[in-house]
Amino acid sequence: MTTPPNEEDGELRYAEYVLGVLDADARAAVEQELASSSAAAAAEAQWHRRLLPLAEQVAPQMPPERLWQRSRTTLQFDAPAGRASDGLWMNLRLWHWLTLGTGALLAAACAALVFILVSRPPCGISHSSGVRPGRTGCGAAGTTIMRALPMSIVAVHPTCPSVSVMVAAM
């Protein structure tokens, strides 16, 4: 229970402060008030004097062992560092290295792609020529592609034995 500061008996806030039941905001407000007001500090000291004898009357008791054991089990204090059944799936070191390796591989692939795209010359057709069919009815067409293959000759008529497909690389 937290008492609002504008209630008639405002000193109950100091009792709650001494007991430690205030939330963080209310506790900060009371601490600021204690630092700035001597009347607030006197009221807080009075509540200490009233409540301290009650704390001295209560004998310290240890909780039962089963409660401690249940708490330790629930919070996994006695659990081994890594269970064998978890395998690689729960291996944090493996996931750190896989993440680092994947990131490095992705960065290298991006850098290689940029290098290839920047250093590759533009491709385009610079010259096309054609040969008319002769007496045999055969013809050929040639195309030069800049900085790729210097010349490719393609037979226009597939049954023409005198023209063959030739690709020359420099």
N, C-alpha and C. Protein backbone atom coordinates (compact mmCIF):
# COMPACT_ATOMS: atom_id res chain seq x y z
N MET A 1 0.85 -1.16 0.00
CA MET A 1 0.00 0.00 0.00
C MET A 1 0.89 1.22 0.00
N THR A 2 0.67 2.11 -0.91
CA THR A 2 1.42 3.35 -0.98
C THR A 2 0.45 4.49 -0.72
N THR A 3 0.84 5.35 0.20
CA THR A 3 0.00 6.47 0.57
C THR A 3 0.29 7.64 -0.34
N PRO A 4 -0.75 8.27 -0.89
CA PRO A 4 -0.50 9.45 -1.71
C PRO A 4 0.10 10.58 -0.88
N PRO A 5 0.97 11.41 -1.49
CA PRO A 5 1.64 12.47 -0.73
C PRO A 5 0.69 13.57 -0.24
N ASN A 6 -0.48 13.71 -0.83
CA ASN A 6 -1.36 14.80 -0.40
C ASN A 6 -2.38 14.36 0.66
N GLU A 7 -2.21 13.16 1.20
CA GLU A 7 -3.12 12.70 2.25
C GLU A 7 -2.84 13.46 3.54
N GLU A 8 -3.82 13.50 4.41
CA GLU A 8 -3.68 14.29 5.66
C GLU A 8 -2.49 13.82 6.49
N ASP A 9 -2.37 12.52 6.66
CA ASP A 9 -1.27 12.01 7.46
C ASP A 9 -0.13 11.65 6.52
N GLY A 10 0.64 12.64 6.07
CA GLY A 10 1.70 12.44 5.09
C GLY A 10 2.90 11.70 5.64
N GLU A 11 2.96 11.54 6.98
CA GLU A 11 4.11 10.86 7.55
C GLU A 11 4.09 9.36 7.29
N LEU A 12 2.97 8.83 6.84
CA LEU A 12 2.91 7.39 6.53
C LEU A 12 3.85 7.05 5.36
N ARG A 13 4.10 8.02 4.50
CA ARG A 13 5.05 7.79 3.41
C ARG A 13 6.43 7.47 3.96
N TYR A 14 6.79 8.12 5.07
CA TYR A 14 8.12 7.86 5.66
C TYR A 14 8.15 6.47 6.29
N ALA A 15 7.04 6.02 6.84
CA ALA A 15 6.97 4.66 7.39
C ALA A 15 7.12 3.65 6.25
N GLU A 16 6.43 3.90 5.14
CA GLU A 16 6.56 3.02 3.98
C GLU A 16 7.98 3.04 3.42
N TYR A 17 8.61 4.21 3.48
CA TYR A 17 10.00 4.33 3.03
C TYR A 17 10.91 3.50 3.92
N VAL A 18 10.70 3.58 5.24
CA VAL A 18 11.53 2.82 6.18
C VAL A 18 11.31 1.32 5.99
N LEU A 19 10.07 0.92 5.74
CA LEU A 19 9.77 -0.50 5.53
C LEU A 19 10.23 -1.01 4.17
N GLY A 20 10.46 -0.08 3.21
CA GLY A 20 10.94 -0.48 1.89
C GLY A 20 9.85 -0.97 0.96
N VAL A 21 8.62 -0.46 1.12
CA VAL A 21 7.51 -0.91 0.30
C VAL A 21 7.13 0.08 -0.80
N LEU A 22 7.85 1.18 -0.92
CA LEU A 22 7.55 2.17 -1.96
C LEU A 22 8.12 1.72 -3.29
N ASP A 23 7.44 2.12 -4.38
CA ASP A 23 8.00 1.84 -5.71
C ASP A 23 9.15 2.82 -5.97
N ALA A 24 9.83 2.64 -7.07
CA ALA A 24 11.05 3.40 -7.35
C ALA A 24 10.79 4.90 -7.44
N ASP A 25 9.69 5.30 -8.09
CA ASP A 25 9.39 6.73 -8.24
C ASP A 25 9.07 7.37 -6.89
N ALA A 26 8.23 6.71 -6.09
CA ALA A 26 7.87 7.25 -4.78
C ALA A 26 9.09 7.29 -3.86
N ARG A 27 9.94 6.26 -3.96
CA ARG A 27 11.15 6.22 -3.13
C ARG A 27 12.08 7.39 -3.50
N ALA A 28 12.23 7.66 -4.78
CA ALA A 28 13.08 8.77 -5.22
C ALA A 28 12.51 10.10 -4.74
N ALA A 29 11.19 10.24 -4.78
CA ALA A 29 10.56 11.48 -4.31
C ALA A 29 10.78 11.68 -2.82
N VAL A 30 10.65 10.60 -2.04
CA VAL A 30 10.87 10.71 -0.58
C VAL A 30 12.34 11.01 -0.30
N GLU A 31 13.25 10.40 -1.01
CA GLU A 31 14.68 10.67 -0.79
C GLU A 31 15.02 12.11 -1.11
N GLN A 32 14.41 12.65 -2.15
CA GLN A 32 14.64 14.06 -2.47
C GLN A 32 14.08 14.96 -1.37
N GLU A 33 12.91 14.59 -0.87
CA GLU A 33 12.30 15.36 0.21
C GLU A 33 13.14 15.29 1.49
N LEU A 34 13.70 14.11 1.78
CA LEU A 34 14.55 13.95 2.96
C LEU A 34 15.81 14.81 2.86
N ALA A 35 16.35 14.94 1.65
CA ALA A 35 17.56 15.73 1.46
C ALA A 35 17.29 17.23 1.58
N SER A 36 16.06 17.65 1.28
CA SER A 36 15.79 19.09 1.27
C SER A 36 15.03 19.59 2.50
N SER A 37 14.47 18.70 3.28
CA SER A 37 13.64 19.14 4.41
C SER A 37 14.10 18.47 5.69
N SER A 38 14.37 19.29 6.70
CA SER A 38 14.77 18.73 8.00
C SER A 38 13.57 18.11 8.71
N ALA A 39 12.34 18.61 8.47
CA ALA A 39 11.15 18.03 9.08
C ALA A 39 10.92 16.63 8.53
N ALA A 40 11.16 16.43 7.23
CA ALA A 40 11.02 15.10 6.64
C ALA A 40 12.06 14.14 7.19
N ALA A 41 13.29 14.64 7.38
CA ALA A 41 14.35 13.80 7.93
C ALA A 41 14.02 13.42 9.37
N ALA A 42 13.45 14.33 10.15
CA ALA A 42 13.07 14.02 11.53
C ALA A 42 11.94 12.98 11.56
N ALA A 43 10.96 13.10 10.64
CA ALA A 43 9.86 12.14 10.60
C ALA A 43 10.38 10.75 10.21
N GLU A 44 11.31 10.70 9.27
CA GLU A 44 11.88 9.42 8.86
C GLU A 44 12.68 8.79 10.01
N ALA A 45 13.43 9.58 10.75
CA ALA A 45 14.18 9.07 11.90
C ALA A 45 13.23 8.56 12.98
N GLN A 46 12.11 9.24 13.18
CA GLN A 46 11.13 8.79 14.17
C GLN A 46 10.55 7.43 13.76
N TRP A 47 10.26 7.22 12.49
CA TRP A 47 9.75 5.94 12.05
C TRP A 47 10.80 4.84 12.18
N HIS A 48 12.05 5.19 11.99
CA HIS A 48 13.12 4.21 12.24
C HIS A 48 13.10 3.77 13.69
N ARG A 49 12.99 4.73 14.60
CA ARG A 49 12.98 4.40 16.03
C ARG A 49 11.75 3.56 16.38
N ARG A 50 10.61 3.82 15.76
CA ARG A 50 9.39 3.07 16.07
C ARG A 50 9.47 1.64 15.51
N LEU A 51 9.99 1.49 14.31
CA LEU A 51 9.93 0.19 13.65
C LEU A 51 11.13 -0.71 13.93
N LEU A 52 12.26 -0.15 14.30
CA LEU A 52 13.45 -0.95 14.56
C LEU A 52 13.24 -1.96 15.68
N PRO A 53 12.61 -1.59 16.79
CA PRO A 53 12.39 -2.61 17.84
C PRO A 53 11.55 -3.80 17.35
N LEU A 54 10.63 -3.57 16.42
CA LEU A 54 9.84 -4.68 15.89
C LEU A 54 10.73 -5.66 15.13
N ALA A 55 11.66 -5.14 14.39
CA ALA A 55 12.57 -6.01 13.64
C ALA A 55 13.48 -6.79 14.57
N GLU A 56 13.85 -6.21 15.70
CA GLU A 56 14.72 -6.90 16.65
C GLU A 56 13.99 -8.01 17.39
N GLN A 57 12.66 -7.92 17.49
CA GLN A 57 11.88 -8.93 18.19
C GLN A 57 11.72 -10.20 17.36
N VAL A 58 11.85 -10.08 16.07
CA VAL A 58 11.67 -11.24 15.20
C VAL A 58 13.00 -11.97 15.09
N ALA A 59 12.96 -13.26 15.44
CA ALA A 59 14.18 -14.06 15.35
C ALA A 59 14.42 -14.45 13.89
N PRO A 60 15.66 -14.39 13.45
CA PRO A 60 15.94 -14.79 12.07
C PRO A 60 15.66 -16.28 11.89
N GLN A 61 15.07 -16.64 10.79
CA GLN A 61 14.76 -18.03 10.51
C GLN A 61 15.25 -18.38 9.11
N MET A 62 15.75 -19.58 9.03
CA MET A 62 16.18 -20.08 7.73
C MET A 62 14.98 -20.77 7.07
N PRO A 63 14.81 -20.58 5.78
CA PRO A 63 13.72 -21.28 5.10
C PRO A 63 14.01 -22.78 5.06
N PRO A 64 12.97 -23.58 4.92
CA PRO A 64 13.19 -25.03 4.87
C PRO A 64 14.08 -25.42 3.69
N GLU A 65 14.79 -26.52 3.84
CA GLU A 65 15.72 -26.99 2.81
C GLU A 65 15.00 -27.27 1.49
N ARG A 66 13.78 -27.78 1.55
CA ARG A 66 13.05 -28.07 0.32
C ARG A 66 12.76 -26.79 -0.47
N LEU A 67 12.56 -25.67 0.25
CA LEU A 67 12.33 -24.40 -0.44
C LEU A 67 13.60 -23.92 -1.14
N TRP A 68 14.75 -24.07 -0.43
CA TRP A 68 16.02 -23.71 -1.05
C TRP A 68 16.28 -24.58 -2.28
N GLN A 69 16.02 -25.88 -2.13
CA GLN A 69 16.26 -26.80 -3.25
C GLN A 69 15.36 -26.46 -4.43
N ARG A 70 14.10 -26.15 -4.16
CA ARG A 70 13.18 -25.79 -5.24
C ARG A 70 13.63 -24.50 -5.93
N SER A 71 14.09 -23.54 -5.15
CA SER A 71 14.58 -22.28 -5.73
C SER A 71 15.81 -22.52 -6.59
N ARG A 72 16.74 -23.35 -6.10
CA ARG A 72 17.96 -23.64 -6.86
C ARG A 72 17.63 -24.37 -8.16
N THR A 73 16.65 -25.28 -8.10
CA THR A 73 16.26 -26.02 -9.30
C THR A 73 15.57 -25.09 -10.30
N THR A 74 14.66 -24.26 -9.80
CA THR A 74 13.93 -23.34 -10.67
C THR A 74 14.88 -22.35 -11.34
N LEU A 75 15.83 -21.83 -10.60
CA LEU A 75 16.78 -20.86 -11.13
C LEU A 75 17.97 -21.51 -11.84
N GLN A 76 18.02 -22.85 -11.83
CA GLN A 76 19.06 -23.65 -12.48
C GLN A 76 20.46 -23.30 -11.99
N PHE A 77 20.59 -23.14 -10.66
CA PHE A 77 21.91 -22.87 -10.09
C PHE A 77 22.83 -24.07 -10.18
N ASP A 78 22.27 -25.27 -10.06
CA ASP A 78 23.09 -26.48 -10.05
C ASP A 78 23.19 -27.14 -11.41
N ALA A 79 22.64 -26.53 -12.43
CA ALA A 79 22.68 -27.11 -13.77
C ALA A 79 24.09 -27.03 -14.33
N PRO A 80 24.51 -28.04 -15.07
CA PRO A 80 25.84 -27.97 -15.69
C PRO A 80 25.88 -26.87 -16.73
N ALA A 81 27.09 -26.46 -17.07
CA ALA A 81 27.26 -25.33 -18.00
C ALA A 81 26.63 -25.62 -19.36
N GLY A 82 26.80 -26.79 -19.88
CA GLY A 82 26.21 -27.14 -21.17
C GLY A 82 25.68 -28.56 -21.14
N ARG A 83 24.45 -28.75 -21.50
CA ARG A 83 23.89 -30.10 -21.47
C ARG A 83 24.28 -30.82 -22.75
N ALA A 84 24.53 -32.11 -22.63
CA ALA A 84 24.94 -32.91 -23.78
C ALA A 84 23.80 -33.07 -24.77
N SER A 85 22.57 -33.04 -24.30
CA SER A 85 21.44 -33.25 -25.20
C SER A 85 21.20 -32.05 -26.13
N ASP A 86 21.74 -30.92 -25.79
CA ASP A 86 21.53 -29.74 -26.62
C ASP A 86 22.31 -29.81 -27.92
N GLY A 87 23.46 -30.44 -27.90
CA GLY A 87 24.26 -30.60 -29.10
C GLY A 87 24.73 -29.27 -29.66
N LEU A 88 24.84 -29.23 -30.98
CA LEU A 88 25.33 -28.03 -31.64
C LEU A 88 24.32 -26.90 -31.66
N TRP A 89 23.04 -27.24 -31.55
CA TRP A 89 22.00 -26.22 -31.65
C TRP A 89 22.16 -25.15 -30.58
N MET A 90 22.55 -25.51 -29.37
CA MET A 90 22.68 -24.56 -28.27
C MET A 90 24.12 -24.12 -28.04
N ASN A 91 25.01 -24.43 -28.96
CA ASN A 91 26.41 -24.06 -28.83
C ASN A 91 26.59 -22.61 -29.28
N LEU A 92 26.74 -21.71 -28.33
CA LEU A 92 26.83 -20.28 -28.63
C LEU A 92 28.08 -19.94 -29.43
N ARG A 93 29.18 -20.58 -29.14
CA ARG A 93 30.42 -20.30 -29.86
C ARG A 93 30.27 -20.65 -31.34
N LEU A 94 29.60 -21.76 -31.63
CA LEU A 94 29.36 -22.15 -33.02
C LEU A 94 28.57 -21.08 -33.75
N TRP A 95 27.51 -20.58 -33.13
CA TRP A 95 26.67 -19.58 -33.78
C TRP A 95 27.41 -18.27 -33.97
N HIS A 96 28.28 -17.90 -33.04
CA HIS A 96 29.08 -16.68 -33.21
C HIS A 96 29.99 -16.82 -34.44
N TRP A 97 30.67 -17.96 -34.56
CA TRP A 97 31.59 -18.15 -35.68
C TRP A 97 30.84 -18.27 -37.00
N LEU A 98 29.69 -18.95 -36.99
CA LEU A 98 28.90 -19.04 -38.22
C LEU A 98 28.42 -17.67 -38.68
N THR A 99 28.00 -16.86 -37.74
CA THR A 99 27.56 -15.51 -38.08
C THR A 99 28.71 -14.68 -38.64
N LEU A 100 29.84 -14.76 -37.99
CA LEU A 100 31.02 -14.02 -38.46
C LEU A 100 31.45 -14.51 -39.84
N GLY A 101 31.48 -15.83 -40.04
CA GLY A 101 31.88 -16.38 -41.33
C GLY A 101 30.91 -16.03 -42.43
N THR A 102 29.62 -16.09 -42.13
CA THR A 102 28.61 -15.74 -43.13
C THR A 102 28.72 -14.27 -43.51
N GLY A 103 28.92 -13.42 -42.52
CA GLY A 103 29.08 -11.99 -42.82
C GLY A 103 30.32 -11.73 -43.67
N ALA A 104 31.41 -12.39 -43.35
CA ALA A 104 32.64 -12.21 -44.12
C ALA A 104 32.47 -12.73 -45.55
N LEU A 105 31.80 -13.86 -45.69
CA LEU A 105 31.55 -14.41 -47.02
C LEU A 105 30.65 -13.49 -47.83
N LEU A 106 29.64 -12.94 -47.22
CA LEU A 106 28.74 -12.01 -47.91
C LEU A 106 29.49 -10.74 -48.33
N ALA A 107 30.33 -10.23 -47.45
CA ALA A 107 31.11 -9.03 -47.79
C ALA A 107 32.07 -9.31 -48.94
N ALA A 108 32.71 -10.48 -48.94
CA ALA A 108 33.62 -10.84 -50.02
C ALA A 108 32.88 -11.00 -51.34
N ALA A 109 31.70 -11.61 -51.30
CA ALA A 109 30.90 -11.78 -52.51
C ALA A 109 30.47 -10.43 -53.06
N CYS A 110 30.05 -9.52 -52.20
CA CYS A 110 29.66 -8.17 -52.65
C CYS A 110 30.85 -7.43 -53.24
N ALA A 111 32.02 -7.54 -52.60
CA ALA A 111 33.21 -6.87 -53.12
C ALA A 111 33.61 -7.46 -54.48
N ALA A 112 33.51 -8.78 -54.64
CA ALA A 112 33.84 -9.40 -55.92
C ALA A 112 32.87 -8.97 -57.00
N LEU A 113 31.59 -8.89 -56.67
CA LEU A 113 30.59 -8.46 -57.65
C LEU A 113 30.84 -7.01 -58.08
N VAL A 114 31.14 -6.15 -57.14
CA VAL A 114 31.44 -4.75 -57.49
C VAL A 114 32.69 -4.68 -58.35
N PHE A 115 33.73 -5.46 -58.00
CA PHE A 115 34.97 -5.47 -58.78
C PHE A 115 34.71 -5.93 -60.21
N ILE A 116 33.93 -6.97 -60.36
CA ILE A 116 33.63 -7.49 -61.70
C ILE A 116 32.85 -6.46 -62.50
N LEU A 117 31.85 -5.86 -61.90
CA LEU A 117 31.03 -4.90 -62.62
C LEU A 117 31.81 -3.63 -62.98
N VAL A 118 32.73 -3.21 -62.13
CA VAL A 118 33.48 -2.00 -62.39
C VAL A 118 34.60 -2.25 -63.41
N SER A 119 35.26 -3.39 -63.34
CA SER A 119 36.41 -3.63 -64.21
C SER A 119 36.02 -4.21 -65.56
N ARG A 120 34.83 -4.69 -65.73
CA ARG A 120 34.40 -5.27 -67.00
C ARG A 120 34.06 -4.14 -67.99
N PRO A 121 34.62 -4.22 -69.18
CA PRO A 121 34.33 -3.19 -70.18
C PRO A 121 32.91 -3.35 -70.72
N PRO A 122 32.35 -2.29 -71.21
CA PRO A 122 31.00 -2.40 -71.76
C PRO A 122 31.02 -3.20 -73.04
N CYS A 123 30.01 -4.01 -73.25
CA CYS A 123 29.91 -4.82 -74.46
C CYS A 123 28.94 -4.15 -75.42
N GLY A 124 29.25 -4.19 -76.67
CA GLY A 124 28.35 -3.64 -77.67
C GLY A 124 28.77 -4.10 -79.05
N ILE A 125 27.88 -4.03 -79.96
CA ILE A 125 28.18 -4.46 -81.32
C ILE A 125 28.84 -3.28 -82.04
N SER A 126 30.02 -3.54 -82.59
CA SER A 126 30.71 -2.47 -83.30
C SER A 126 30.60 -2.59 -84.81
N HIS A 127 30.44 -3.81 -85.31
CA HIS A 127 30.42 -3.95 -86.77
C HIS A 127 29.62 -5.20 -87.13
N SER A 128 28.79 -5.08 -88.10
CA SER A 128 28.05 -6.23 -88.63
C SER A 128 28.24 -6.24 -90.14
N SER A 129 28.40 -7.39 -90.67
CA SER A 129 28.52 -7.50 -92.13
C SER A 129 27.84 -8.78 -92.58
N GLY A 130 27.48 -8.81 -93.79
CA GLY A 130 26.82 -9.99 -94.32
C GLY A 130 27.40 -10.36 -95.66
N VAL A 131 27.34 -11.61 -95.99
CA VAL A 131 27.81 -12.13 -97.27
C VAL A 131 26.58 -12.67 -97.97
N ARG A 132 26.39 -12.23 -99.21
CA ARG A 132 25.21 -12.68 -99.97
C ARG A 132 25.41 -14.12 -100.43
N PRO A 133 24.32 -14.78 -100.56
CA PRO A 133 24.45 -16.16 -101.07
C PRO A 133 25.05 -16.17 -102.47
N GLY A 134 25.94 -17.09 -102.68
CA GLY A 134 26.58 -17.23 -103.98
C GLY A 134 25.82 -18.22 -104.85
N ARG A 135 26.59 -18.86 -105.76
CA ARG A 135 25.98 -19.81 -106.67
C ARG A 135 25.44 -21.02 -105.91
N THR A 136 26.07 -21.32 -104.79
CA THR A 136 25.65 -22.50 -104.04
C THR A 136 24.45 -22.22 -103.16
N GLY A 137 24.06 -20.98 -103.01
CA GLY A 137 22.93 -20.63 -102.17
C GLY A 137 23.32 -20.46 -100.71
N CYS A 138 24.62 -20.42 -100.43
CA CYS A 138 25.09 -20.28 -99.06
C CYS A 138 25.45 -18.83 -98.78
N GLY A 139 25.29 -18.42 -97.54
CA GLY A 139 25.66 -17.08 -97.13
C GLY A 139 26.11 -17.10 -95.67
N ALA A 140 26.71 -16.03 -95.21
CA ALA A 140 27.18 -15.97 -93.82
C ALA A 140 27.02 -14.55 -93.32
N ALA A 141 26.93 -14.43 -92.04
CA ALA A 141 26.85 -13.10 -91.41
C ALA A 141 27.91 -13.05 -90.33
N GLY A 142 28.57 -11.94 -90.18
CA GLY A 142 29.60 -11.80 -89.17
C GLY A 142 29.33 -10.62 -88.26
N THR A 143 29.65 -10.76 -87.01
CA THR A 143 29.45 -9.69 -86.04
C THR A 143 30.67 -9.60 -85.15
N THR A 144 31.18 -8.41 -84.99
CA THR A 144 32.31 -8.21 -84.10
C THR A 144 31.79 -7.58 -82.81
N ILE A 145 32.11 -8.16 -81.71
CA ILE A 145 31.69 -7.64 -80.40
C ILE A 145 32.92 -7.05 -79.74
N MET A 146 32.83 -5.80 -79.31
CA MET A 146 33.98 -5.12 -78.74
C MET A 146 34.45 -5.81 -77.46
N ARG A 147 35.73 -6.07 -77.37
CA ARG A 147 36.42 -6.55 -76.19
C ARG A 147 35.84 -7.83 -75.61
N ALA A 148 35.10 -8.53 -76.37
CA ALA A 148 34.64 -9.84 -75.92
C ALA A 148 35.28 -10.83 -76.88
N LEU A 149 34.52 -11.42 -77.77
CA LEU A 149 35.08 -12.27 -78.80
C LEU A 149 35.28 -11.40 -80.04
N PRO A 150 36.42 -11.48 -80.71
CA PRO A 150 36.67 -10.58 -81.83
C PRO A 150 35.75 -10.82 -83.03
N MET A 151 35.36 -12.06 -83.31
CA MET A 151 34.55 -12.29 -84.50
C MET A 151 33.81 -13.60 -84.33
N SER A 152 32.56 -13.56 -84.67
CA SER A 152 31.81 -14.81 -84.71
C SER A 152 31.11 -14.87 -86.06
N ILE A 153 31.25 -15.99 -86.72
CA ILE A 153 30.66 -16.16 -88.05
C ILE A 153 29.58 -17.21 -87.91
N VAL A 154 28.39 -16.87 -88.39
CA VAL A 154 27.25 -17.76 -88.25
C VAL A 154 26.73 -18.06 -89.64
N ALA A 155 26.50 -19.31 -89.93
CA ALA A 155 25.97 -19.71 -91.22
C ALA A 155 24.51 -19.30 -91.31
N VAL A 156 24.16 -18.68 -92.44
CA VAL A 156 22.80 -18.24 -92.65
C VAL A 156 21.94 -19.42 -93.08
N HIS A 157 22.51 -20.27 -93.90
CA HIS A 157 21.77 -21.42 -94.41
C HIS A 157 22.38 -22.67 -93.79
N PRO A 158 21.60 -23.42 -92.98
CA PRO A 158 22.20 -24.53 -92.24
C PRO A 158 22.71 -25.66 -93.11
N THR A 159 22.29 -25.77 -94.34
CA THR A 159 22.74 -26.88 -95.19
C THR A 159 23.95 -26.52 -96.01
N CYS A 160 24.49 -25.35 -95.84
CA CYS A 160 25.64 -24.89 -96.63
C CYS A 160 26.90 -25.52 -96.07
N PRO A 161 27.59 -26.38 -96.83
CA PRO A 161 28.79 -27.05 -96.33
C PRO A 161 30.03 -26.18 -96.38
N SER A 162 30.04 -25.13 -97.17
CA SER A 162 31.26 -24.35 -97.33
C SER A 162 31.46 -23.32 -96.23
N VAL A 163 30.41 -22.99 -95.46
CA VAL A 163 30.55 -22.00 -94.39
C VAL A 163 30.41 -22.75 -93.06
N SER A 164 31.39 -22.61 -92.22
CA SER A 164 31.33 -23.27 -90.91
C SER A 164 31.26 -22.19 -89.83
N VAL A 165 30.77 -22.59 -88.69
CA VAL A 165 30.70 -21.65 -87.56
C VAL A 165 32.06 -21.61 -86.91
N MET A 166 32.59 -20.40 -86.70
CA MET A 166 33.92 -20.25 -86.15
C MET A 166 33.89 -19.14 -85.11
N VAL A 167 34.44 -19.41 -83.97
CA VAL A 167 34.57 -18.40 -82.94
C VAL A 167 36.03 -18.32 -82.58
N ALA A 168 36.61 -17.17 -82.74
CA ALA A 168 38.01 -16.97 -82.47
C ALA A 168 38.17 -16.07 -81.27
N ALA A 169 38.96 -16.47 -80.33
CA ALA A 169 39.22 -15.67 -79.16
C ALA A 169 40.64 -15.14 -79.20
N MET A 170 40.84 -13.92 -78.80
CA MET A 170 42.20 -13.36 -78.78
C MET A 170 42.76 -13.41 -77.40
